[in-house]
Amino acid sequence: MRRAFLALLLRDLRLAARLGGGGGMAVFFFLVVVAIVPLGIGPDKALLSLIAPGMLWVALLLAALLTLDRLFQADFEDGSLDLLSMGALPLELVAVAKALGHWLTTGLPLVVVAPVLGLLLNLPVASFPALLLAMLAGTPALSFLGAIGAALTVGVRRGGLLASLLVLPFYIPVLIFGVGAAEAASAGFEGDAGVQSLLFLGAVTLGSFVLGPVGAAAALRANLR
């Protein structure tokens, strides 16, 4: 079972590297959203520095939503999903492999480029390590919770928008605690509020590791009947 899981994960990583589009498109969208913010609100460096943590999280969340439809749709269209559902690997572990592959090819690149884009918003360089920690703690939840919406809309033509609308309420806690932790990161995690936001963010991510695969597997079984 472990070999089957690793084989599925490596297959998704190879396909993502070969075909491209998903992670690269998300990073490009992230760049575009962050780049137009200074054009919209003006060159006030103090204001840009103030909104930088929240803006980075909002842009990251939107970029992650952009790629949800590729989690299961391609496998559904070529019949691979039917074979996976009949294999020895439970659908819950299939969902874990898919969500983990999505995070490695989309979420992780977004986290890596976030500090670079933070320079466009005058984010203090000293806050970069703490900001990365907060994003590393929260972004896996975007992929694992997003797997539920992607599974619910599998087989629906152009279901990417519908999947985004379905999972957006689940993303709200990630956004709230992520922004709270990111703002505390700009202040160097001074006080208890920043630490609490980071702990809550980690708790949401841990909960998504359970709820995401279970919900996605249930939705896949319903759609494959």
C-alpha atoms as a PDB file:
ATOM      1  CA  MET A   1       0.000   0.000   0.000  1.00  0.00           C
ATOM      2  CA  ARG A   2       2.874   2.368   0.759  1.00  0.00           C
ATOM      3  CA  ARG A   3       4.418   1.668  -2.640  1.00  0.00           C
ATOM      4  CA  ALA A   4       1.094   2.348  -4.359  1.00  0.00           C
ATOM      5  CA  PHE A   5       0.740   5.630  -2.489  1.00  0.00           C
ATOM      6  CA  LEU A   6       4.271   6.765  -3.378  1.00  0.00           C
ATOM      7  CA  ALA A   7       3.797   5.664  -6.993  1.00  0.00           C
ATOM      8  CA  LEU A   8       0.611   7.747  -7.277  1.00  0.00           C
ATOM      9  CA  LEU A   9       2.276  10.772  -5.666  1.00  0.00           C
ATOM     10  CA  LEU A  10       5.340  10.538  -7.921  1.00  0.00           C
ATOM     11  CA  ARG A  11       3.078  10.104 -10.964  1.00  0.00           C
ATOM     12  CA  ASP A  12       1.257  13.342 -10.155  1.00  0.00           C
ATOM     13  CA  LEU A  13       4.540  15.176  -9.583  1.00  0.00           C
ATOM     14  CA  ARG A  14       5.928  13.948 -12.911  1.00  0.00           C
ATOM     15  CA  LEU A  15       2.751  14.929 -14.756  1.00  0.00           C
ATOM     16  CA  ALA A  16       2.795  18.373 -13.162  1.00  0.00           C
ATOM     17  CA  ALA A  17       6.449  18.870 -14.139  1.00  0.00           C
ATOM     18  CA  ARG A  18       5.886  17.563 -17.671  1.00  0.00           C
ATOM     19  CA  LEU A  19       2.675  19.381 -18.478  1.00  0.00           C
ATOM     20  CA  GLY A  20       3.269  22.510 -16.411  1.00  0.00           C
ATOM     21  CA  GLY A  21       0.513  25.093 -16.269  1.00  0.00           C
ATOM     22  CA  GLY A  22      -0.853  24.454 -12.771  1.00  0.00           C
ATOM     23  CA  GLY A  23       1.904  25.631 -10.459  1.00  0.00           C
ATOM     24  CA  GLY A  24       3.323  28.080 -12.974  1.00  0.00           C
ATOM     25  CA  MET A  25      -0.093  29.582 -13.632  1.00  0.00           C
ATOM     26  CA  ALA A  26      -0.733  29.968  -9.895  1.00  0.00           C
ATOM     27  CA  VAL A  27       2.625  31.703  -9.353  1.00  0.00           C
ATOM     28  CA  PHE A  28       2.000  34.016 -12.319  1.00  0.00           C
ATOM     29  CA  PHE A  29      -1.464  34.888 -11.006  1.00  0.00           C
ATOM     30  CA  PHE A  30       0.041  35.523  -7.556  1.00  0.00           C
ATOM     31  CA  LEU A  31       2.583  37.878  -9.123  1.00  0.00           C
ATOM     32  CA  VAL A  32      -0.041  39.761 -11.135  1.00  0.00           C
ATOM     33  CA  VAL A  33      -2.359  40.292  -8.144  1.00  0.00           C
ATOM     34  CA  VAL A  34       0.446  41.536  -5.892  1.00  0.00           C
ATOM     35  CA  ALA A  35       1.971  43.718  -8.635  1.00  0.00           C
ATOM     36  CA  ILE A  36      -1.226  45.647  -9.334  1.00  0.00           C
ATOM     37  CA  VAL A  37      -1.843  46.523  -5.667  1.00  0.00           C
ATOM     38  CA  PRO A  38       0.699  49.395  -5.585  1.00  0.00           C
ATOM     39  CA  LEU A  39      -0.812  50.690  -8.831  1.00  0.00           C
ATOM     40  CA  GLY A  40      -4.255  50.746  -7.252  1.00  0.00           C
ATOM     41  CA  ILE A  41      -3.525  52.331  -3.872  1.00  0.00           C
ATOM     42  CA  GLY A  42      -0.531  54.501  -4.743  1.00  0.00           C
ATOM     43  CA  PRO A  43       3.161  54.525  -3.775  1.00  0.00           C
ATOM     44  CA  ASP A  44       2.624  55.132  -0.048  1.00  0.00           C
ATOM     45  CA  LYS A  45       5.279  52.834   1.449  1.00  0.00           C
ATOM     46  CA  ALA A  46       3.823  52.968   4.958  1.00  0.00           C
ATOM     47  CA  LEU A  47       0.393  51.907   3.694  1.00  0.00           C
ATOM     48  CA  LEU A  48       1.860  49.155   1.525  1.00  0.00           C
ATOM     49  CA  SER A  49       3.829  47.790   4.468  1.00  0.00           C
ATOM     50  CA  LEU A  50       0.663  47.828   6.587  1.00  0.00           C
ATOM     51  CA  ILE A  51      -1.464  45.835   4.136  1.00  0.00           C
ATOM     52  CA  ALA A  52       1.333  43.557   2.877  1.00  0.00           C
ATOM     53  CA  PRO A  53       0.683  40.507   5.138  1.00  0.00           C
ATOM     54  CA  GLY A  54      -3.056  40.428   4.463  1.00  0.00           C
ATOM     55  CA  MET A  55      -2.643  41.118   0.751  1.00  0.00           C
ATOM     56  CA  LEU A  56      -0.110  38.329   0.357  1.00  0.00           C
ATOM     57  CA  TRP A  57      -2.464  35.848   2.022  1.00  0.00           C
ATOM     58  CA  VAL A  58      -5.478  36.915  -0.045  1.00  0.00           C
ATOM     59  CA  ALA A  59      -3.495  36.687  -3.287  1.00  0.00           C
ATOM     60  CA  LEU A  60      -2.106  33.286  -2.277  1.00  0.00           C
ATOM     61  CA  LEU A  61      -5.585  31.966  -1.483  1.00  0.00           C
ATOM     62  CA  LEU A  62      -6.963  33.138  -4.848  1.00  0.00           C
ATOM     63  CA  ALA A  63      -4.008  31.588  -6.678  1.00  0.00           C
ATOM     64  CA  ALA A  64      -4.610  28.256  -4.920  1.00  0.00           C
ATOM     65  CA  LEU A  65      -8.299  28.354  -5.881  1.00  0.00           C
ATOM     66  CA  LEU A  66      -7.293  28.787  -9.509  1.00  0.00           C
ATOM     67  CA  THR A  67      -5.798  25.284  -9.746  1.00  0.00           C
ATOM     68  CA  LEU A  68      -8.319  23.191  -7.787  1.00  0.00           C
ATOM     69  CA  ASP A  69     -10.054  21.801 -10.862  1.00  0.00           C
ATOM     70  CA  ARG A  70      -6.957  19.836 -11.904  1.00  0.00           C
ATOM     71  CA  LEU A  71      -6.915  17.711  -8.754  1.00  0.00           C
ATOM     72  CA  PHE A  72      -9.230  14.960 -10.035  1.00  0.00           C
ATOM     73  CA  GLN A  73     -10.686  16.168 -13.334  1.00  0.00           C
ATOM     74  CA  ALA A  74      -7.940  14.896 -15.651  1.00  0.00           C
ATOM     75  CA  ASP A  75      -7.972  11.441 -14.031  1.00  0.00           C
ATOM     76  CA  PHE A  76     -11.765  11.348 -14.326  1.00  0.00           C
ATOM     77  CA  GLU A  77     -11.678  12.215 -18.019  1.00  0.00           C
ATOM     78  CA  ASP A  78      -9.081   9.590 -19.010  1.00  0.00           C
ATOM     79  CA  GLY A  79     -10.561   6.827 -16.821  1.00  0.00           C
ATOM     80  CA  SER A  80      -7.668   6.680 -14.352  1.00  0.00           C
ATOM     81  CA  LEU A  81      -9.956   7.618 -11.476  1.00  0.00           C
ATOM     82  CA  ASP A  82     -12.130   4.557 -12.096  1.00  0.00           C
ATOM     83  CA  LEU A  83      -9.051   2.336 -11.973  1.00  0.00           C
ATOM     84  CA  LEU A  84      -7.859   4.010  -8.785  1.00  0.00           C
ATOM     85  CA  SER A  85     -11.250   3.477  -7.143  1.00  0.00           C
ATOM     86  CA  MET A  86     -11.025  -0.258  -7.890  1.00  0.00           C
ATOM     87  CA  GLY A  87      -7.403  -0.603  -6.779  1.00  0.00           C
ATOM     88  CA  ALA A  88      -5.976  -1.720  -3.476  1.00  0.00           C
ATOM     89  CA  LEU A  89      -5.369   1.870  -2.336  1.00  0.00           C
ATOM     90  CA  PRO A  90      -8.383   3.303  -0.450  1.00  0.00           C
ATOM     91  CA  LEU A  91      -9.898   6.431  -1.938  1.00  0.00           C
ATOM     92  CA  GLU A  92      -8.979   8.313   1.238  1.00  0.00           C
ATOM     93  CA  LEU A  93      -5.290   7.670   0.553  1.00  0.00           C
ATOM     94  CA  VAL A  94      -5.809   8.526  -3.117  1.00  0.00           C
ATOM     95  CA  ALA A  95      -7.183  11.882  -1.975  1.00  0.00           C
ATOM     96  CA  VAL A  96      -4.194  12.355   0.357  1.00  0.00           C
ATOM     97  CA  ALA A  97      -1.756  11.683  -2.489  1.00  0.00           C
ATOM     98  CA  LYS A  98      -3.613  14.055  -4.794  1.00  0.00           C
ATOM     99  CA  ALA A  99      -3.819  16.836  -2.196  1.00  0.00           C
ATOM    100  CA  LEU A 100      -0.171  16.405  -1.218  1.00  0.00           C
ATOM    101  CA  GLY A 101       0.876  16.517  -4.866  1.00  0.00           C
ATOM    102  CA  HIS A 102      -1.194  19.662  -5.344  1.00  0.00           C
ATOM    103  CA  TRP A 103       0.505  21.338  -2.394  1.00  0.00           C
ATOM    104  CA  LEU A 104       3.995  20.351  -3.534  1.00  0.00           C
ATOM    105  CA  THR A 105       3.424  21.653  -7.070  1.00  0.00           C
ATOM    106  CA  THR A 106       1.253  24.687  -6.271  1.00  0.00           C
ATOM    107  CA  GLY A 107       1.180  25.631  -2.584  1.00  0.00           C
ATOM    108  CA  LEU A 108       4.905  25.256  -1.908  1.00  0.00           C
ATOM    109  CA  PRO A 109       6.008  27.360  -4.929  1.00  0.00           C
ATOM    110  CA  LEU A 110       3.576  30.077  -3.816  1.00  0.00           C
ATOM    111  CA  VAL A 111       5.129  30.073  -0.337  1.00  0.00           C
ATOM    112  CA  VAL A 112       8.636  30.275  -1.814  1.00  0.00           C
ATOM    113  CA  VAL A 113       7.877  33.328  -3.969  1.00  0.00           C
ATOM    114  CA  ALA A 114       5.807  35.111  -1.285  1.00  0.00           C
ATOM    115  CA  PRO A 115       8.802  36.904   0.350  1.00  0.00           C
ATOM    116  CA  VAL A 116      10.042  38.051  -3.056  1.00  0.00           C
ATOM    117  CA  LEU A 117       6.635  39.508  -3.850  1.00  0.00           C
ATOM    118  CA  GLY A 118       6.562  40.981  -0.345  1.00  0.00           C
ATOM    119  CA  LEU A 119       9.329  43.328  -1.474  1.00  0.00           C
ATOM    120  CA  LEU A 120       6.847  44.879  -3.911  1.00  0.00           C
ATOM    121  CA  LEU A 121       4.645  45.718  -0.919  1.00  0.00           C
ATOM    122  CA  ASN A 122       7.514  47.092   1.191  1.00  0.00           C
ATOM    123  CA  LEU A 123       7.315  44.169   3.633  1.00  0.00           C
ATOM    124  CA  PRO A 124      10.219  44.327   6.141  1.00  0.00           C
ATOM    125  CA  VAL A 125      12.903  41.770   5.304  1.00  0.00           C
ATOM    126  CA  ALA A 126      13.211  40.819   8.981  1.00  0.00           C
ATOM    127  CA  SER A 127       9.664  39.421   8.925  1.00  0.00           C
ATOM    128  CA  PHE A 128      10.292  37.029   6.013  1.00  0.00           C
ATOM    129  CA  PRO A 129      11.261  33.931   8.071  1.00  0.00           C
ATOM    130  CA  ALA A 130       8.239  34.233  10.349  1.00  0.00           C
ATOM    131  CA  LEU A 131       5.953  34.884   7.368  1.00  0.00           C
ATOM    132  CA  LEU A 132       7.262  31.751   5.674  1.00  0.00           C
ATOM    133  CA  LEU A 133       6.601  29.752   8.845  1.00  0.00           C
ATOM    134  CA  ALA A 134       3.002  30.973   8.973  1.00  0.00           C
ATOM    135  CA  MET A 135       2.414  30.160   5.308  1.00  0.00           C
ATOM    136  CA  LEU A 136       4.032  26.741   5.578  1.00  0.00           C
ATOM    137  CA  ALA A 137       1.709  25.999   8.494  1.00  0.00           C
ATOM    138  CA  GLY A 138      -1.431  27.137   6.678  1.00  0.00           C
ATOM    139  CA  THR A 139      -1.109  26.426   2.966  1.00  0.00           C
ATOM    140  CA  PRO A 140      -1.464  22.607   3.203  1.00  0.00           C
ATOM    141  CA  ALA A 141      -5.013  23.183   4.464  1.00  0.00           C
ATOM    142  CA  LEU A 142      -5.823  24.948   1.179  1.00  0.00           C
ATOM    143  CA  SER A 143      -4.967  21.813  -0.784  1.00  0.00           C
ATOM    144  CA  PHE A 144      -6.571  19.286   1.564  1.00  0.00           C
ATOM    145  CA  LEU A 145      -9.801  21.273   2.017  1.00  0.00           C
ATOM    146  CA  GLY A 146      -9.804  22.118  -1.675  1.00  0.00           C
ATOM    147  CA  ALA A 147      -9.799  18.402  -2.465  1.00  0.00           C
ATOM    148  CA  ILE A 148     -13.368  18.239  -1.118  1.00  0.00           C
ATOM    149  CA  GLY A 149     -14.629  20.820  -3.599  1.00  0.00           C
ATOM    150  CA  ALA A 150     -12.650  19.275  -6.457  1.00  0.00           C
ATOM    151  CA  ALA A 151     -14.139  15.849  -5.683  1.00  0.00           C
ATOM    152  CA  LEU A 152     -17.677  17.222  -5.443  1.00  0.00           C
ATOM    153  CA  THR A 153     -17.434  18.810  -8.891  1.00  0.00           C
ATOM    154  CA  VAL A 154     -15.532  16.031 -10.668  1.00  0.00           C
ATOM    155  CA  GLY A 155     -17.256  15.246 -13.917  1.00  0.00           C
ATOM    156  CA  VAL A 156     -18.866  18.683 -14.067  1.00  0.00           C
ATOM    157  CA  ARG A 157     -17.815  20.536 -17.196  1.00  0.00           C
ATOM    158  CA  ARG A 158     -15.861  23.657 -16.222  1.00  0.00           C
ATOM    159  CA  GLY A 159     -16.416  22.903 -12.559  1.00  0.00           C
ATOM    160  CA  GLY A 160     -13.423  24.944 -11.391  1.00  0.00           C
ATOM    161  CA  LEU A 161     -15.545  27.983 -10.517  1.00  0.00           C
ATOM    162  CA  LEU A 162     -18.111  25.843  -8.714  1.00  0.00           C
ATOM    163  CA  ALA A 163     -15.369  24.091  -6.741  1.00  0.00           C
ATOM    164  CA  SER A 164     -13.953  27.471  -5.727  1.00  0.00           C
ATOM    165  CA  LEU A 165     -17.346  28.650  -4.492  1.00  0.00           C
ATOM    166  CA  LEU A 166     -17.867  25.433  -2.518  1.00  0.00           C
ATOM    167  CA  VAL A 167     -14.554  25.487  -0.678  1.00  0.00           C
ATOM    168  CA  LEU A 168     -14.328  29.238  -0.123  1.00  0.00           C
ATOM    169  CA  PRO A 169     -16.235  29.078   3.228  1.00  0.00           C
ATOM    170  CA  PHE A 170     -13.772  26.412   4.428  1.00  0.00           C
ATOM    171  CA  TYR A 171     -10.898  28.734   3.553  1.00  0.00           C
ATOM    172  CA  ILE A 172     -12.151  31.570   5.772  1.00  0.00           C
ATOM    173  CA  PRO A 173     -10.539  30.220   9.015  1.00  0.00           C
ATOM    174  CA  VAL A 174      -7.260  29.691   7.147  1.00  0.00           C
ATOM    175  CA  LEU A 175      -7.407  33.269   5.871  1.00  0.00           C
ATOM    176  CA  ILE A 176      -8.299  34.761   9.269  1.00  0.00           C
ATOM    177  CA  PHE A 177      -5.612  32.963  11.253  1.00  0.00           C
ATOM    178  CA  GLY A 178      -3.116  33.204   8.399  1.00  0.00           C
ATOM    179  CA  VAL A 179      -3.472  36.973   8.180  1.00  0.00           C
ATOM    180  CA  GLY A 180      -3.308  37.229  11.976  1.00  0.00           C
ATOM    181  CA  ALA A 181      -0.120  35.201  12.066  1.00  0.00           C
ATOM    182  CA  ALA A 182       1.339  37.124   9.124  1.00  0.00           C
ATOM    183  CA  GLU A 183       0.623  40.491  10.757  1.00  0.00           C
ATOM    184  CA  ALA A 184       2.247  39.223  13.942  1.00  0.00           C
ATOM    185  CA  ALA A 185       5.182  38.084  11.815  1.00  0.00           C
ATOM    186  CA  SER A 186       5.705  41.666  10.667  1.00  0.00           C
ATOM    187  CA  ALA A 187       6.001  42.612  14.341  1.00  0.00           C
ATOM    188  CA  GLY A 188       8.291  39.676  15.107  1.00  0.00           C
ATOM    189  CA  PHE A 189       5.584  37.647  16.889  1.00  0.00           C
ATOM    190  CA  GLU A 190       5.573  40.023  19.814  1.00  0.00           C
ATOM    191  CA  GLY A 191       2.884  39.191  22.386  1.00  0.00           C
ATOM    192  CA  ASP A 192       0.579  36.196  22.620  1.00  0.00           C
ATOM    193  CA  ALA A 193      -1.777  37.075  19.751  1.00  0.00           C
ATOM    194  CA  GLY A 194       0.678  36.064  17.024  1.00  0.00           C
ATOM    195  CA  VAL A 195       1.553  32.767  18.684  1.00  0.00           C
ATOM    196  CA  GLN A 196      -2.123  31.958  19.202  1.00  0.00           C
ATOM    197  CA  SER A 197      -2.917  32.720  15.558  1.00  0.00           C
ATOM    198  CA  LEU A 198      -0.100  30.435  14.469  1.00  0.00           C
ATOM    199  CA  LEU A 199      -1.314  27.645  16.779  1.00  0.00           C
ATOM    200  CA  PHE A 200      -4.888  27.980  15.525  1.00  0.00           C
ATOM    201  CA  LEU A 201      -3.602  27.941  11.961  1.00  0.00           C
ATOM    202  CA  GLY A 202      -1.714  24.731  12.652  1.00  0.00           C
ATOM    203  CA  ALA A 203      -4.829  23.227  14.258  1.00  0.00           C
ATOM    204  CA  VAL A 204      -6.904  24.053  11.152  1.00  0.00           C
ATOM    205  CA  THR A 205      -4.272  22.399   8.968  1.00  0.00           C
ATOM    206  CA  LEU A 206      -4.158  19.276  11.137  1.00  0.00           C
ATOM    207  CA  GLY A 207      -7.959  19.089  11.012  1.00  0.00           C
ATOM    208  CA  SER A 208      -7.873  19.388   7.227  1.00  0.00           C
ATOM    209  CA  PHE A 209      -5.567  16.353   7.055  1.00  0.00           C
ATOM    210  CA  VAL A 210      -8.486  14.300   8.417  1.00  0.00           C
ATOM    211  CA  LEU A 211     -11.578  16.049   7.048  1.00  0.00           C
ATOM    212  CA  GLY A 212     -10.193  16.679   3.565  1.00  0.00           C
ATOM    213  CA  PRO A 213      -9.410  13.097   2.491  1.00  0.00           C
ATOM    214  CA  VAL A 214     -12.541  11.672   4.159  1.00  0.00           C
ATOM    215  CA  GLY A 215     -14.835  14.253   2.540  1.00  0.00           C
ATOM    216  CA  ALA A 216     -13.105  13.963  -0.842  1.00  0.00           C
ATOM    217  CA  ALA A 217     -13.323  10.166  -0.806  1.00  0.00           C
ATOM    218  CA  ALA A 218     -17.041  10.275   0.031  1.00  0.00           C
ATOM    219  CA  ALA A 219     -17.675  12.730  -2.818  1.00  0.00           C
ATOM    220  CA  LEU A 220     -15.675  10.616  -5.266  1.00  0.00           C
ATOM    221  CA  ARG A 221     -17.629   7.481  -4.359  1.00  0.00           C
ATOM    222  CA  ALA A 222     -20.900   9.341  -4.920  1.00  0.00           C
ATOM    223  CA  ASN A 223     -19.787  10.669  -8.313  1.00  0.00           C
ATOM    224  CA  LEU A 224     -18.341   7.367  -9.548  1.00  0.00           C
ATOM    225  CA  ARG A 225     -21.489   5.325  -8.917  1.00  0.00           C
END
